Amino acid sequence: MTNLSGTSPPPRSALTLRLVLAGFGLIVCAGAALLFAYYGLPAALIVIVALAALVAAVDLVIVIRRKAHGEPG
């Protein structure tokens, strides 16, 4: 879609969607890591899922900081 000057509007960031997905990933991965540990599944599987939860937590912090600084999305 173009405006009257013939240029397209600047792209918008989907920070809110990223916030929701990171929160969902954190909950699911952390819960899975706890369940895997409770049921005694292999440690490698627990570590992989726990690392995914850590990545989701870091992404959550980054998105919250970006939104707090007024970035749209």
N, C-alpha and C. Protein backbone atom coordinates (compact mmCIF):
# COMPACT_ATOMS: atom_id res chain seq x y z
N MET A 1 0.84 -1.17 0.00
CA MET A 1 0.00 0.00 0.00
C MET A 1 0.89 1.24 0.00
N THR A 2 0.59 2.18 -0.85
CA THR A 2 1.39 3.40 -0.93
C THR A 2 0.55 4.59 -0.49
N ASN A 3 1.23 5.60 0.00
CA ASN A 3 0.52 6.82 0.38
C ASN A 3 0.56 7.80 -0.80
N LEU A 4 0.08 9.01 -0.59
CA LEU A 4 -0.03 9.97 -1.69
C LEU A 4 1.31 10.39 -2.26
N SER A 5 2.37 10.31 -1.46
CA SER A 5 3.67 10.74 -1.97
C SER A 5 4.35 9.65 -2.79
N GLY A 6 3.74 8.48 -2.90
CA GLY A 6 4.28 7.41 -3.72
C GLY A 6 5.27 6.50 -3.01
N THR A 7 5.45 6.70 -1.72
CA THR A 7 6.36 5.84 -0.97
C THR A 7 5.55 4.95 -0.04
N SER A 8 6.13 3.83 0.29
CA SER A 8 5.43 2.91 1.20
C SER A 8 5.73 3.32 2.63
N PRO A 9 4.81 3.03 3.55
CA PRO A 9 5.04 3.37 4.95
C PRO A 9 6.15 2.50 5.54
N PRO A 10 6.80 2.96 6.58
CA PRO A 10 7.87 2.16 7.18
C PRO A 10 7.30 0.88 7.79
N PRO A 11 8.07 -0.20 7.75
CA PRO A 11 7.58 -1.46 8.32
C PRO A 11 7.43 -1.36 9.84
N ARG A 12 6.47 -2.09 10.37
CA ARG A 12 6.25 -2.10 11.81
C ARG A 12 6.74 -3.42 12.38
N SER A 13 7.25 -3.36 13.57
CA SER A 13 7.73 -4.54 14.26
C SER A 13 6.57 -5.27 14.93
N ALA A 14 6.64 -6.58 14.97
CA ALA A 14 5.60 -7.38 15.62
C ALA A 14 6.06 -7.77 17.02
N LEU A 15 6.38 -6.76 17.84
CA LEU A 15 6.91 -7.04 19.17
C LEU A 15 5.89 -7.71 20.07
N THR A 16 4.62 -7.33 19.95
CA THR A 16 3.61 -7.93 20.83
C THR A 16 3.47 -9.42 20.53
N LEU A 17 3.46 -9.78 19.25
CA LEU A 17 3.39 -11.19 18.89
C LEU A 17 4.63 -11.92 19.41
N ARG A 18 5.78 -11.31 19.26
CA ARG A 18 7.02 -11.93 19.75
C ARG A 18 6.99 -12.09 21.27
N LEU A 19 6.39 -11.12 21.96
CA LEU A 19 6.25 -11.20 23.41
C LEU A 19 5.38 -12.39 23.81
N VAL A 20 4.26 -12.55 23.14
CA VAL A 20 3.35 -13.67 23.44
C VAL A 20 4.02 -15.00 23.14
N LEU A 21 4.67 -15.10 21.99
CA LEU A 21 5.32 -16.36 21.63
C LEU A 21 6.47 -16.71 22.56
N ALA A 22 7.24 -15.72 22.98
CA ALA A 22 8.34 -15.98 23.91
C ALA A 22 7.80 -16.42 25.27
N GLY A 23 6.71 -15.80 25.72
CA GLY A 23 6.10 -16.21 26.98
C GLY A 23 5.57 -17.63 26.91
N PHE A 24 4.91 -17.96 25.80
CA PHE A 24 4.41 -19.32 25.60
C PHE A 24 5.57 -20.32 25.57
N GLY A 25 6.62 -19.99 24.84
CA GLY A 25 7.77 -20.89 24.76
C GLY A 25 8.44 -21.09 26.10
N LEU A 26 8.52 -20.02 26.88
CA LEU A 26 9.13 -20.13 28.20
C LEU A 26 8.32 -21.06 29.09
N ILE A 27 7.01 -20.89 29.11
CA ILE A 27 6.15 -21.73 29.95
C ILE A 27 6.21 -23.19 29.52
N VAL A 28 6.10 -23.44 28.22
CA VAL A 28 6.09 -24.81 27.72
C VAL A 28 7.44 -25.49 27.94
N CYS A 29 8.51 -24.80 27.61
CA CYS A 29 9.84 -25.42 27.73
C CYS A 29 10.25 -25.63 29.19
N ALA A 30 9.96 -24.65 30.03
CA ALA A 30 10.29 -24.82 31.45
C ALA A 30 9.47 -25.95 32.06
N GLY A 31 8.19 -25.99 31.72
CA GLY A 31 7.35 -27.08 32.22
C GLY A 31 7.81 -28.44 31.72
N ALA A 32 8.19 -28.50 30.45
CA ALA A 32 8.68 -29.76 29.89
C ALA A 32 9.97 -30.19 30.57
N ALA A 33 10.86 -29.25 30.81
CA ALA A 33 12.13 -29.60 31.49
C ALA A 33 11.86 -30.16 32.88
N LEU A 34 10.93 -29.54 33.60
CA LEU A 34 10.60 -30.03 34.94
C LEU A 34 9.96 -31.42 34.88
N LEU A 35 9.05 -31.63 33.94
CA LEU A 35 8.42 -32.95 33.81
C LEU A 35 9.43 -34.01 33.38
N PHE A 36 10.31 -33.65 32.45
CA PHE A 36 11.31 -34.61 32.00
C PHE A 36 12.24 -34.99 33.16
N ALA A 37 12.60 -34.03 33.99
CA ALA A 37 13.45 -34.32 35.15
C ALA A 37 12.70 -35.19 36.16
N TYR A 38 11.43 -34.90 36.36
CA TYR A 38 10.62 -35.66 37.32
C TYR A 38 10.51 -37.12 36.90
N TYR A 39 10.32 -37.36 35.60
CA TYR A 39 10.16 -38.72 35.11
C TYR A 39 11.48 -39.40 34.77
N GLY A 40 12.59 -38.73 35.02
CA GLY A 40 13.90 -39.35 34.86
C GLY A 40 14.31 -39.60 33.43
N LEU A 41 13.90 -38.76 32.52
CA LEU A 41 14.32 -38.89 31.13
C LEU A 41 15.80 -38.50 31.00
N PRO A 42 16.41 -38.80 29.87
CA PRO A 42 17.85 -38.52 29.71
C PRO A 42 18.20 -37.05 29.96
N ALA A 43 19.35 -36.86 30.59
CA ALA A 43 19.79 -35.51 30.96
C ALA A 43 19.99 -34.62 29.74
N ALA A 44 20.42 -35.20 28.63
CA ALA A 44 20.63 -34.40 27.42
C ALA A 44 19.33 -33.76 26.95
N LEU A 45 18.25 -34.49 27.03
CA LEU A 45 16.94 -33.97 26.64
C LEU A 45 16.50 -32.84 27.57
N ILE A 46 16.75 -33.01 28.84
CA ILE A 46 16.39 -31.99 29.82
C ILE A 46 17.19 -30.72 29.57
N VAL A 47 18.47 -30.86 29.29
CA VAL A 47 19.34 -29.70 29.03
C VAL A 47 18.90 -28.97 27.78
N ILE A 48 18.56 -29.70 26.73
CA ILE A 48 18.13 -29.07 25.48
C ILE A 48 16.86 -28.25 25.69
N VAL A 49 15.89 -28.82 26.39
CA VAL A 49 14.63 -28.11 26.62
C VAL A 49 14.85 -26.94 27.58
N ALA A 50 15.71 -27.11 28.57
CA ALA A 50 16.01 -26.02 29.49
C ALA A 50 16.72 -24.87 28.77
N LEU A 51 17.60 -25.19 27.82
CA LEU A 51 18.26 -24.14 27.04
C LEU A 51 17.25 -23.39 26.17
N ALA A 52 16.27 -24.11 25.62
CA ALA A 52 15.22 -23.45 24.85
C ALA A 52 14.42 -22.51 25.75
N ALA A 53 14.17 -22.90 26.99
CA ALA A 53 13.47 -22.03 27.94
C ALA A 53 14.32 -20.80 28.25
N LEU A 54 15.62 -20.99 28.37
CA LEU A 54 16.52 -19.86 28.63
C LEU A 54 16.52 -18.88 27.46
N VAL A 55 16.54 -19.39 26.25
CA VAL A 55 16.49 -18.53 25.06
C VAL A 55 15.17 -17.74 25.05
N ALA A 56 14.07 -18.40 25.37
CA ALA A 56 12.77 -17.72 25.41
C ALA A 56 12.77 -16.64 26.49
N ALA A 57 13.38 -16.91 27.64
CA ALA A 57 13.43 -15.92 28.72
C ALA A 57 14.25 -14.70 28.31
N VAL A 58 15.37 -14.92 27.65
CA VAL A 58 16.21 -13.81 27.19
C VAL A 58 15.45 -12.99 26.15
N ASP A 59 14.77 -13.65 25.23
CA ASP A 59 13.98 -12.95 24.22
C ASP A 59 12.86 -12.14 24.87
N LEU A 60 12.25 -12.69 25.89
CA LEU A 60 11.20 -11.98 26.63
C LEU A 60 11.74 -10.69 27.24
N VAL A 61 12.90 -10.76 27.84
CA VAL A 61 13.52 -9.57 28.43
C VAL A 61 13.85 -8.54 27.36
N ILE A 62 14.38 -8.97 26.24
CA ILE A 62 14.73 -8.05 25.16
C ILE A 62 13.50 -7.34 24.63
N VAL A 63 12.43 -8.09 24.41
CA VAL A 63 11.21 -7.49 23.87
C VAL A 63 10.60 -6.52 24.88
N ILE A 64 10.59 -6.88 26.15
CA ILE A 64 10.03 -5.98 27.18
C ILE A 64 10.83 -4.69 27.24
N ARG A 65 12.15 -4.78 27.15
CA ARG A 65 12.98 -3.56 27.17
C ARG A 65 12.72 -2.69 25.95
N ARG A 66 12.58 -3.34 24.78
CA ARG A 66 12.32 -2.55 23.56
C ARG A 66 10.97 -1.86 23.63
N LYS A 67 9.96 -2.55 24.15
CA LYS A 67 8.63 -1.92 24.28
C LYS A 67 8.66 -0.81 25.33
N ALA A 68 9.44 -1.00 26.39
CA ALA A 68 9.52 0.03 27.43
C ALA A 68 10.18 1.31 26.93
N HIS A 69 11.04 1.17 25.93
CA HIS A 69 11.68 2.35 25.35
C HIS A 69 10.84 3.01 24.26
N GLY A 70 9.62 2.52 24.10
CA GLY A 70 8.68 3.18 23.19
C GLY A 70 8.68 2.68 21.76
N GLU A 71 9.33 1.57 21.50
CA GLU A 71 9.32 1.05 20.12
C GLU A 71 7.92 0.53 19.80
N PRO A 72 7.37 0.89 18.66
CA PRO A 72 6.01 0.45 18.33
C PRO A 72 5.97 -1.03 17.99
N GLY A 73 4.81 -1.61 18.14
CA GLY A 73 4.64 -2.99 17.76
C GLY A 73 4.06 -3.75 18.86
